[in-house]
Amino acid sequence: RTRELLSTPPQAGENYLLVAHGPNLVEVMDYFP
């Protein structure tokens, strides 16, 4: 789901925000913010 949300372009002229957790991003791209 995280990969899907990061990979899907928003509607024209829009920006989307995900509020979640550091370990989730580690699983997606090996980055712990």
Full PDB file with SEQRES, HELIX, SHEET, SSBOND, CRYST1, ORIGX, SCALE, CONECT and MASTER records, all heavy atoms in Angstrom:
SEQRES   1 A   33  ARG THR ARG GLU LEU LEU SER THR PRO PRO GLN ALA GLY          
SEQRES   2 A   33  GLU ASN TYR LEU LEU VAL ALA HIS GLY PRO ASN LEU VAL          
SEQRES   3 A   33  GLU VAL MET ASP TYR PHE PRO                                  
HELIX    1 AA1 THR A    2  SER A    7  1                                   6    
HELIX    2 AA2 GLY A   22  MET A   29  1                                   8    
CRYST1    1.000    1.000    1.000  90.00  90.00  90.00 P 1           1          
ORIGX1      1.000000  0.000000  0.000000        0.00000                         
ORIGX2      0.000000  1.000000  0.000000        0.00000                         
ORIGX3      0.000000  0.000000  1.000000        0.00000                         
SCALE1      1.000000  0.000000  0.000000        0.00000                         
SCALE2      0.000000  1.000000  0.000000        0.00000                         
SCALE3      0.000000  0.000000  1.000000        0.00000                         
ATOM      1  N   ARG A   1       0.825  -1.206   0.000  1.00  0.00           N  
ATOM      2  CA  ARG A   1       0.000   0.000   0.000  1.00  0.00           C  
ATOM      3  C   ARG A   1       0.861   1.259   0.000  1.00  0.00           C  
ATOM      4  O   ARG A   1       0.552   2.237  -0.705  1.00  0.00           O  
ATOM      5  CB  ARG A   1      -0.915  -0.012   1.221  1.00  0.00           C  
ATOM      6  CG  ARG A   1      -1.797   1.226   1.362  1.00  0.00           C  
ATOM      7  CD  ARG A   1      -2.665   1.462   0.144  1.00  0.00           C  
ATOM      8  NE  ARG A   1      -3.631   2.539   0.374  1.00  0.00           N  
ATOM      9  CZ  ARG A   1      -4.264   3.197  -0.582  1.00  0.00           C  
ATOM     10  NH1 ARG A   1      -4.044   2.877  -1.866  1.00  0.00           N  
ATOM     11  NH2 ARG A   1      -5.122   4.150  -0.299  1.00  0.00           N  
ATOM     12  N   THR A   2       1.924   1.253   0.784  1.00  0.00           N  
ATOM     13  CA  THR A   2       2.818   2.406   0.814  1.00  0.00           C  
ATOM     14  C   THR A   2       3.436   2.643  -0.551  1.00  0.00           C  
ATOM     15  O   THR A   2       3.486   3.787  -1.039  1.00  0.00           O  
ATOM     16  CB  THR A   2       3.924   2.204   1.870  1.00  0.00           C  
ATOM     17  OG1 THR A   2       3.326   1.960   3.147  1.00  0.00           O  
ATOM     18  CG2 THR A   2       4.812   3.439   1.975  1.00  0.00           C  
ATOM     19  N   ARG A   3       3.907   1.584  -1.196  1.00  0.00           N  
ATOM     20  CA  ARG A   3       4.468   1.722  -2.539  1.00  0.00           C  
ATOM     21  C   ARG A   3       3.428   2.228  -3.530  1.00  0.00           C  
ATOM     22  O   ARG A   3       3.719   3.062  -4.389  1.00  0.00           O  
ATOM     23  CB  ARG A   3       5.016   0.372  -3.009  1.00  0.00           C  
ATOM     24  CG  ARG A   3       6.347  -0.005  -2.371  1.00  0.00           C  
ATOM     25  CD  ARG A   3       6.808  -1.365  -2.825  1.00  0.00           C  
ATOM     26  NE  ARG A   3       8.147  -1.664  -2.326  1.00  0.00           N  
ATOM     27  CZ  ARG A   3       8.626  -2.884  -2.170  1.00  0.00           C  
ATOM     28  NH1 ARG A   3       7.873  -3.935  -2.488  1.00  0.00           N  
ATOM     29  NH2 ARG A   3       9.846  -3.068  -1.713  1.00  0.00           N  
ATOM     30  N   GLU A   4       2.207   1.727  -3.395  1.00  0.00           N  
ATOM     31  CA  GLU A   4       1.134   2.168  -4.295  1.00  0.00           C  
ATOM     32  C   GLU A   4       0.878   3.663  -4.153  1.00  0.00           C  
ATOM     33  O   GLU A   4       0.760   4.390  -5.152  1.00  0.00           O  
ATOM     34  CB  GLU A   4      -0.141   1.389  -3.986  1.00  0.00           C  
ATOM     35  CG  GLU A   4      -1.346   1.829  -4.813  1.00  0.00           C  
ATOM     36  CD  GLU A   4      -2.639   1.181  -4.355  1.00  0.00           C  
ATOM     37  OE1 GLU A   4      -2.652   0.519  -3.294  1.00  0.00           O  
ATOM     38  OE2 GLU A   4      -3.663   1.365  -5.051  1.00  0.00           O  
ATOM     39  N   LEU A   5       0.790   4.138  -2.916  1.00  0.00           N  
ATOM     40  CA  LEU A   5       0.518   5.557  -2.690  1.00  0.00           C  
ATOM     41  C   LEU A   5       1.671   6.441  -3.159  1.00  0.00           C  
ATOM     42  O   LEU A   5       1.441   7.545  -3.683  1.00  0.00           O  
ATOM     43  CB  LEU A   5       0.238   5.806  -1.205  1.00  0.00           C  
ATOM     44  CG  LEU A   5      -1.098   5.271  -0.688  1.00  0.00           C  
ATOM     45  CD1 LEU A   5      -1.163   5.339   0.829  1.00  0.00           C  
ATOM     46  CD2 LEU A   5      -2.265   6.041  -1.303  1.00  0.00           C  
ATOM     47  N   LEU A   6       2.904   5.982  -2.986  1.00  0.00           N  
ATOM     48  CA  LEU A   6       4.061   6.766  -3.427  1.00  0.00           C  
ATOM     49  C   LEU A   6       4.217   6.760  -4.938  1.00  0.00           C  
ATOM     50  O   LEU A   6       4.818   7.677  -5.504  1.00  0.00           O  
ATOM     51  CB  LEU A   6       5.342   6.221  -2.781  1.00  0.00           C  
ATOM     52  CG  LEU A   6       5.469   6.353  -1.261  1.00  0.00           C  
ATOM     53  CD1 LEU A   6       6.765   5.721  -0.787  1.00  0.00           C  
ATOM     54  CD2 LEU A   6       5.401   7.809  -0.828  1.00  0.00           C  
ATOM     55  N   SER A   7       3.668   5.748  -5.596  1.00  0.00           N  
ATOM     56  CA  SER A   7       3.875   5.575  -7.037  1.00  0.00           C  
ATOM     57  C   SER A   7       2.737   6.139  -7.888  1.00  0.00           C  
ATOM     58  O   SER A   7       2.894   6.296  -9.104  1.00  0.00           O  
ATOM     59  CB  SER A   7       4.039   4.084  -7.367  1.00  0.00           C  
ATOM     60  OG  SER A   7       5.094   3.511  -6.638  1.00  0.00           O  
ATOM     61  N   THR A   8       1.597   6.429  -7.271  1.00  0.00           N  
ATOM     62  CA  THR A   8       0.417   6.871  -8.015  1.00  0.00           C  
ATOM     63  C   THR A   8       0.350   8.391  -8.075  1.00  0.00           C  
ATOM     64  O   THR A   8       0.241   9.054  -7.033  1.00  0.00           O  
ATOM     65  CB  THR A   8      -0.866   6.330  -7.367  1.00  0.00           C  
ATOM     66  OG1 THR A   8      -0.773   4.907  -7.261  1.00  0.00           O  
ATOM     67  CG2 THR A   8      -2.084   6.711  -8.196  1.00  0.00           C  
ATOM     68  N   PRO A   9       0.416   8.980  -9.265  1.00  0.00           N  
ATOM     69  CA  PRO A   9       0.368  10.450  -9.365  1.00  0.00           C  
ATOM     70  C   PRO A   9      -0.960  11.003  -8.853  1.00  0.00           C  
ATOM     71  O   PRO A   9      -2.023  10.414  -9.083  1.00  0.00           O  
ATOM     72  CB  PRO A   9       0.516  10.703 -10.880  1.00  0.00           C  
ATOM     73  CG  PRO A   9       1.152   9.459 -11.415  1.00  0.00           C  
ATOM     74  CD  PRO A   9       0.619   8.342 -10.581  1.00  0.00           C  
ATOM     75  N   PRO A  10      -0.931  12.123  -8.150  1.00  0.00           N  
ATOM     76  CA  PRO A  10      -2.175  12.769  -7.723  1.00  0.00           C  
ATOM     77  C   PRO A  10      -2.933  13.319  -8.938  1.00  0.00           C  
ATOM     78  O   PRO A  10      -2.411  13.359 -10.051  1.00  0.00           O  
ATOM     79  CB  PRO A  10      -1.685  13.909  -6.822  1.00  0.00           C  
ATOM     80  CG  PRO A  10      -0.258  13.624  -6.542  1.00  0.00           C  
ATOM     81  CD  PRO A  10       0.256  12.838  -7.697  1.00  0.00           C  
ATOM     82  N   GLN A  11      -4.149  13.748  -8.674  1.00  0.00           N  
ATOM     83  CA  GLN A  11      -4.889  14.449  -9.718  1.00  0.00           C  
ATOM     84  C   GLN A  11      -4.120  15.702 -10.120  1.00  0.00           C  
ATOM     85  O   GLN A  11      -3.321  16.240  -9.345  1.00  0.00           O  
ATOM     86  CB  GLN A  11      -6.285  14.826  -9.207  1.00  0.00           C  
ATOM     87  CG  GLN A  11      -7.184  13.647  -8.869  1.00  0.00           C  
ATOM     88  CD  GLN A  11      -7.576  12.860 -10.099  1.00  0.00           C  
ATOM     89  OE1 GLN A  11      -7.869  13.427 -11.150  1.00  0.00           O  
ATOM     90  NE2 GLN A  11      -7.577  11.533  -9.983  1.00  0.00           N  
ATOM     91  N   ALA A  12      -4.348  16.184 -11.334  1.00  0.00           N  
ATOM     92  CA  ALA A  12      -3.618  17.337 -11.856  1.00  0.00           C  
ATOM     93  C   ALA A  12      -3.690  18.516 -10.885  1.00  0.00           C  
ATOM     94  O   ALA A  12      -4.762  18.883 -10.401  1.00  0.00           O  
ATOM     95  CB  ALA A  12      -4.182  17.740 -13.215  1.00  0.00           C  
ATOM     96  N   GLY A  13      -2.519  19.071 -10.568  1.00  0.00           N  
ATOM     97  CA  GLY A  13      -2.441  20.236  -9.707  1.00  0.00           C  
ATOM     98  C   GLY A  13      -2.561  19.945  -8.226  1.00  0.00           C  
ATOM     99  O   GLY A  13      -2.583  20.878  -7.411  1.00  0.00           O  
ATOM    100  N   GLU A  14      -2.609  18.663  -7.852  1.00  0.00           N  
ATOM    101  CA  GLU A  14      -2.787  18.313  -6.455  1.00  0.00           C  
ATOM    102  C   GLU A  14      -1.534  17.664  -5.865  1.00  0.00           C  
ATOM    103  O   GLU A  14      -0.716  17.099  -6.584  1.00  0.00           O  
ATOM    104  CB  GLU A  14      -3.978  17.350  -6.287  1.00  0.00           C  
ATOM    105  CG  GLU A  14      -5.308  17.966  -6.695  1.00  0.00           C  
ATOM    106  CD  GLU A  14      -6.491  17.062  -6.372  1.00  0.00           C  
ATOM    107  OE1 GLU A  14      -6.268  15.964  -5.804  1.00  0.00           O  
ATOM    108  OE2 GLU A  14      -7.639  17.447  -6.680  1.00  0.00           O  
ATOM    109  N   ASN A  15      -1.404  17.781  -4.553  1.00  0.00           N  
ATOM    110  CA  ASN A  15      -0.359  17.096  -3.792  1.00  0.00           C  
ATOM    111  C   ASN A  15      -1.015  16.262  -2.710  1.00  0.00           C  
ATOM    112  O   ASN A  15      -2.012  16.692  -2.109  1.00  0.00           O  
ATOM    113  CB  ASN A  15       0.593  18.099  -3.114  1.00  0.00           C  
ATOM    114  CG  ASN A  15       1.423  18.897  -4.097  1.00  0.00           C  
ATOM    115  OD1 ASN A  15       1.972  18.354  -5.044  1.00  0.00           O  
ATOM    116  ND2 ASN A  15       1.522  20.199  -3.863  1.00  0.00           N  
ATOM    117  N   TYR A  16      -0.468  15.067  -2.438  1.00  0.00           N  
ATOM    118  CA  TYR A  16      -1.001  14.209  -1.385  1.00  0.00           C  
ATOM    119  C   TYR A  16       0.023  14.061  -0.264  1.00  0.00           C  
ATOM    120  O   TYR A  16       1.229  14.109  -0.497  1.00  0.00           O  
ATOM    121  CB  TYR A  16      -1.353  12.826  -1.926  1.00  0.00           C  
ATOM    122  CG  TYR A  16      -2.466  12.808  -2.960  1.00  0.00           C  
ATOM    123  CD1 TYR A  16      -2.698  11.667  -3.727  1.00  0.00           C  
ATOM    124  CD2 TYR A  16      -3.287  13.912  -3.192  1.00  0.00           C  
ATOM    125  CE1 TYR A  16      -3.697  11.625  -4.673  1.00  0.00           C  
ATOM    126  CE2 TYR A  16      -4.294  13.884  -4.145  1.00  0.00           C  
ATOM    127  CZ  TYR A  16      -4.494  12.734  -4.891  1.00  0.00           C  
ATOM    128  OH  TYR A  16      -5.485  12.697  -5.828  1.00  0.00           O  
ATOM    129  N   LEU A  17      -0.470  13.863   0.932  1.00  0.00           N  
ATOM    130  CA  LEU A  17       0.382  13.699   2.108  1.00  0.00           C  
ATOM    131  C   LEU A  17       0.070  12.370   2.793  1.00  0.00           C  
ATOM    132  O   LEU A  17      -1.102  12.059   3.045  1.00  0.00           O  
ATOM    133  CB  LEU A  17       0.151  14.855   3.088  1.00  0.00           C  
ATOM    134  CG  LEU A  17       0.849  14.773   4.453  1.00  0.00           C  
ATOM    135  CD1 LEU A  17       2.360  14.880   4.295  1.00  0.00           C  
ATOM    136  CD2 LEU A  17       0.321  15.861   5.393  1.00  0.00           C  
ATOM    137  N   LEU A  18       1.122  11.596   3.084  1.00  0.00           N  
ATOM    138  CA  LEU A  18       0.988  10.383   3.887  1.00  0.00           C  
ATOM    139  C   LEU A  18       1.625  10.671   5.240  1.00  0.00           C  
ATOM    140  O   LEU A  18       2.738  11.198   5.302  1.00  0.00           O  
ATOM    141  CB  LEU A  18       1.709   9.195   3.248  1.00  0.00           C  
ATOM    142  CG  LEU A  18       1.567   8.958   1.739  1.00  0.00           C  
ATOM    143  CD1 LEU A  18       2.323   7.695   1.342  1.00  0.00           C  
ATOM    144  CD2 LEU A  18       0.115   8.878   1.342  1.00  0.00           C  
ATOM    145  N   VAL A  19       0.937  10.325   6.316  1.00  0.00           N  
ATOM    146  CA  VAL A  19       1.498  10.483   7.660  1.00  0.00           C  
ATOM    147  C   VAL A  19       1.579   9.093   8.273  1.00  0.00           C  
ATOM    148  O   VAL A  19       0.551   8.461   8.531  1.00  0.00           O  
ATOM    149  CB  VAL A  19       0.651  11.422   8.533  1.00  0.00           C  
ATOM    150  CG1 VAL A  19       1.301  11.605   9.898  1.00  0.00           C  
ATOM    151  CG2 VAL A  19       0.485  12.778   7.842  1.00  0.00           C  
ATOM    152  N   ALA A  20       2.787   8.623   8.469  1.00  0.00           N  
ATOM    153  CA  ALA A  20       2.961   7.242   8.907  1.00  0.00           C  
ATOM    154  C   ALA A  20       4.246   7.099   9.723  1.00  0.00           C  
ATOM    155  O   ALA A  20       4.615   8.016  10.465  1.00  0.00           O  
ATOM    156  CB  ALA A  20       2.914   6.290   7.708  1.00  0.00           C  
ATOM    157  N   HIS A  21       4.951   5.989   9.536  1.00  0.00           N  
ATOM    158  CA  HIS A  21       6.014   5.591  10.456  1.00  0.00           C  
ATOM    159  C   HIS A  21       7.329   5.301   9.752  1.00  0.00           C  
ATOM    160  O   HIS A  21       7.347   4.837   8.614  1.00  0.00           O  
ATOM    161  CB  HIS A  21       5.557   4.366  11.238  1.00  0.00           C  
ATOM    162  CG  HIS A  21       4.203   4.529  11.851  1.00  0.00           C  
ATOM    163  ND1 HIS A  21       4.017   5.128  13.072  1.00  0.00           N  
ATOM    164  CD2 HIS A  21       2.961   4.214  11.385  1.00  0.00           C  
ATOM    165  CE1 HIS A  21       2.719   5.168  13.353  1.00  0.00           C  
ATOM    166  NE2 HIS A  21       2.056   4.613  12.343  1.00  0.00           N  
ATOM    167  N   GLY A  22       8.434   5.557  10.471  1.00  0.00           N  
ATOM    168  CA  GLY A  22       9.761   5.347   9.912  1.00  0.00           C  
ATOM    169  C   GLY A  22      10.020   3.932   9.428  1.00  0.00           C  
ATOM    170  O   GLY A  22      10.524   3.734   8.310  1.00  0.00           O  
ATOM    171  N   PRO A  23       9.696   2.889  10.215  1.00  0.00           N  
ATOM    172  CA  PRO A  23       9.967   1.528   9.764  1.00  0.00           C  
ATOM    173  C   PRO A  23       9.259   1.163   8.463  1.00  0.00           C  
ATOM    174  O   PRO A  23       9.741   0.312   7.708  1.00  0.00           O  
ATOM    175  CB  PRO A  23       9.461   0.667  10.934  1.00  0.00           C  
ATOM    176  CG  PRO A  23       9.610   1.548  12.130  1.00  0.00           C  
ATOM    177  CD  PRO A  23       9.258   2.929  11.630  1.00  0.00           C  
ATOM    178  N   ASN A  24       8.129   1.814   8.192  1.00  0.00           N  
ATOM    179  CA  ASN A  24       7.418   1.532   6.946  1.00  0.00           C  
ATOM    180  C   ASN A  24       8.256   1.935   5.736  1.00  0.00           C  
ATOM    181  O   ASN A  24       8.302   1.232   4.722  1.00  0.00           O  
ATOM    182  CB  ASN A  24       6.083   2.272   6.918  1.00  0.00           C  
ATOM    183  CG  ASN A  24       5.167   1.868   8.059  1.00  0.00           C  
ATOM    184  OD1 ASN A  24       5.631   1.485   9.128  1.00  0.00           O  
ATOM    185  ND2 ASN A  24       3.873   1.941   7.852  1.00  0.00           N  
ATOM    186  N   LEU A  25       8.929   3.074   5.855  1.00  0.00           N  
ATOM    187  CA  LEU A  25       9.748   3.534   4.741  1.00  0.00           C  
ATOM    188  C   LEU A  25      11.022   2.696   4.620  1.00  0.00           C  
ATOM    189  O   LEU A  25      11.551   2.522   3.519  1.00  0.00           O  
ATOM    190  CB  LEU A  25      10.091   5.016   4.916  1.00  0.00           C  
ATOM    191  CG  LEU A  25      10.254   5.833   3.626  1.00  0.00           C  
ATOM    192  CD1 LEU A  25       9.018   5.704   2.739  1.00  0.00           C  
ATOM    193  CD2 LEU A  25      10.516   7.289   3.939  1.00  0.00           C  
ATOM    194  N   VAL A  26      11.487   2.170   5.745  1.00  0.00           N  
ATOM    195  CA  VAL A  26      12.631   1.260   5.692  1.00  0.00           C  
ATOM    196  C   VAL A  26      12.296   0.063   4.804  1.00  0.00           C  
ATOM    197  O   VAL A  26      13.107  -0.376   3.983  1.00  0.00           O  
ATOM    198  CB  VAL A  26      13.011   0.771   7.109  1.00  0.00           C  
ATOM    199  CG1 VAL A  26      14.059  -0.341   7.029  1.00  0.00           C  
ATOM    200  CG2 VAL A  26      13.532   1.918   7.950  1.00  0.00           C  
ATOM    201  N   GLU A  27      11.090  -0.466   4.954  1.00  0.00           N  
ATOM    202  CA  GLU A  27      10.680  -1.629   4.174  1.00  0.00           C  
ATOM    203  C   GLU A  27      10.576  -1.314   2.686  1.00  0.00           C  
ATOM    204  O   GLU A  27      10.767  -2.184   1.841  1.00  0.00           O  
ATOM    205  CB  GLU A  27       9.327  -2.148   4.681  1.00  0.00           C  
ATOM    206  CG  GLU A  27       9.337  -2.648   6.116  1.00  0.00           C  
ATOM    207  CD  GLU A  27      10.094  -3.949   6.279  1.00  0.00           C  
ATOM    208  OE1 GLU A  27      10.327  -4.634   5.273  1.00  0.00           O  
ATOM    209  OE2 GLU A  27      10.457  -4.286   7.431  1.00  0.00           O  
ATOM    210  N   VAL A  28      10.268  -0.070   2.368  1.00  0.00           N  
ATOM    211  CA  VAL A  28      10.060   0.319   0.966  1.00  0.00           C  
ATOM    212  C   VAL A  28      11.365   0.720   0.283  1.00  0.00           C  
ATOM    213  O   VAL A  28      11.601   0.368  -0.873  1.00  0.00           O  
ATOM    214  CB  VAL A  28       9.043   1.481   0.889  1.00  0.00           C  
ATOM    215  CG1 VAL A  28       8.957   2.045  -0.532  1.00  0.00           C  
ATOM    216  CG2 VAL A  28       7.670   0.995   1.339  1.00  0.00           C  
ATOM    217  N   MET A  29      12.233   1.463   0.996  1.00  0.00           N  
ATOM    218  CA  MET A  29      13.428   1.983   0.338  1.00  0.00           C  
ATOM    219  C   MET A  29      14.661   2.021   1.236  1.00  0.00           C  
ATOM    220  O   MET A  29      15.602   2.751   0.963  1.00  0.00           O  
ATOM    221  CB  MET A  29      13.152   3.381  -0.223  1.00  0.00           C  
ATOM    222  CG  MET A  29      12.667   4.388   0.820  1.00  0.00           C  
ATOM    223  SD  MET A  29      12.241   6.014   0.141  1.00  0.00           S  
ATOM    224  CE  MET A  29      13.829   6.605  -0.431  1.00  0.00           C  
ATOM    225  N   ASP A  30      14.640   1.254   2.325  1.00  0.00           N  
ATOM    226  CA  ASP A  30      15.801   1.154   3.213  1.00  0.00           C  
ATOM    227  C   ASP A  30      16.220   2.526   3.756  1.00  0.00           C  
ATOM    228  O   ASP A  30      17.405   2.831   3.851  1.00  0.00           O  
ATOM    229  CB  ASP A  30      16.971   0.477   2.486  1.00  0.00           C  
ATOM    230  CG  ASP A  30      18.026  -0.044   3.454  1.00  0.00           C  
ATOM    231  OD1 ASP A  30      17.645  -0.370   4.595  1.00  0.00           O  
ATOM    232  OD2 ASP A  30      19.206  -0.114   3.087  1.00  0.00           O  
ATOM    233  N   TYR A  31      15.222   3.334   4.103  1.00  0.00           N  
ATOM    234  CA  TYR A  31      15.481   4.677   4.637  1.00  0.00           C  
ATOM    235  C   TYR A  31      14.660   4.859   5.903  1.00  0.00           C  
ATOM    236  O   TYR A  31      13.433   4.738   5.874  1.00  0.00           O  
ATOM    237  CB  TYR A  31      15.108   5.719   3.586  1.00  0.00           C  
ATOM    238  CG  TYR A  31      15.134   7.167   4.051  1.00  0.00           C  
ATOM    239  CD1 TYR A  31      15.981   7.606   5.066  1.00  0.00           C  
ATOM    240  CD2 TYR A  31      14.312   8.115   3.446  1.00  0.00           C  
ATOM    241  CE1 TYR A  31      15.997   8.927   5.482  1.00  0.00           C  
ATOM    242  CE2 TYR A  31      14.332   9.444   3.847  1.00  0.00           C  
ATOM    243  CZ  TYR A  31      15.166   9.841   4.864  1.00  0.00           C  
ATOM    244  OH  TYR A  31      15.178  11.155   5.276  1.00  0.00           O  
ATOM    245  N   PHE A  32      15.335   5.151   7.010  1.00  0.00           N  
ATOM    246  CA  PHE A  32      14.668   5.360   8.289  1.00  0.00           C  
ATOM    247  C   PHE A  32      14.722   6.846   8.632  1.00  0.00           C  
ATOM    248  O   PHE A  32      15.713   7.329   9.190  1.00  0.00           O  
ATOM    249  CB  PHE A  32      15.339   4.531   9.377  1.00  0.00           C  
ATOM    250  CG  PHE A  32      14.577   4.508  10.675  1.00  0.00           C  
ATOM    251  CD1 PHE A  32      13.401   3.785  10.789  1.00  0.00           C  
ATOM    252  CD2 PHE A  32      15.031   5.212  11.779  1.00  0.00           C  
ATOM    253  CE1 PHE A  32      12.692   3.762  11.989  1.00  0.00           C  
ATOM    254  CE2 PHE A  32      14.342   5.204  12.981  1.00  0.00           C  
ATOM    255  CZ  PHE A  32      13.162   4.467  13.080  1.00  0.00           C  
ATOM    256  N   PRO A  33      13.672   7.596   8.304  1.00  0.00           N  
ATOM    257  CA  PRO A  33      13.690   9.047   8.554  1.00  0.00           C  
ATOM    258  C   PRO A  33      13.519   9.364  10.033  1.00  0.00           C  
ATOM    259  O   PRO A  33      12.945   8.580  10.802  1.00  0.00           O  
ATOM    260  CB  PRO A  33      12.492   9.549   7.742  1.00  0.00           C  
ATOM    261  CG  PRO A  33      11.550   8.380   7.734  1.00  0.00           C  
ATOM    262  CD  PRO A  33      12.418   7.157   7.687  1.00  0.00           C  
TER     263      PRO A  33                                                      
MASTER        0    0    0    2    0    0    0    6  262    1    0    3          
END                                                                             
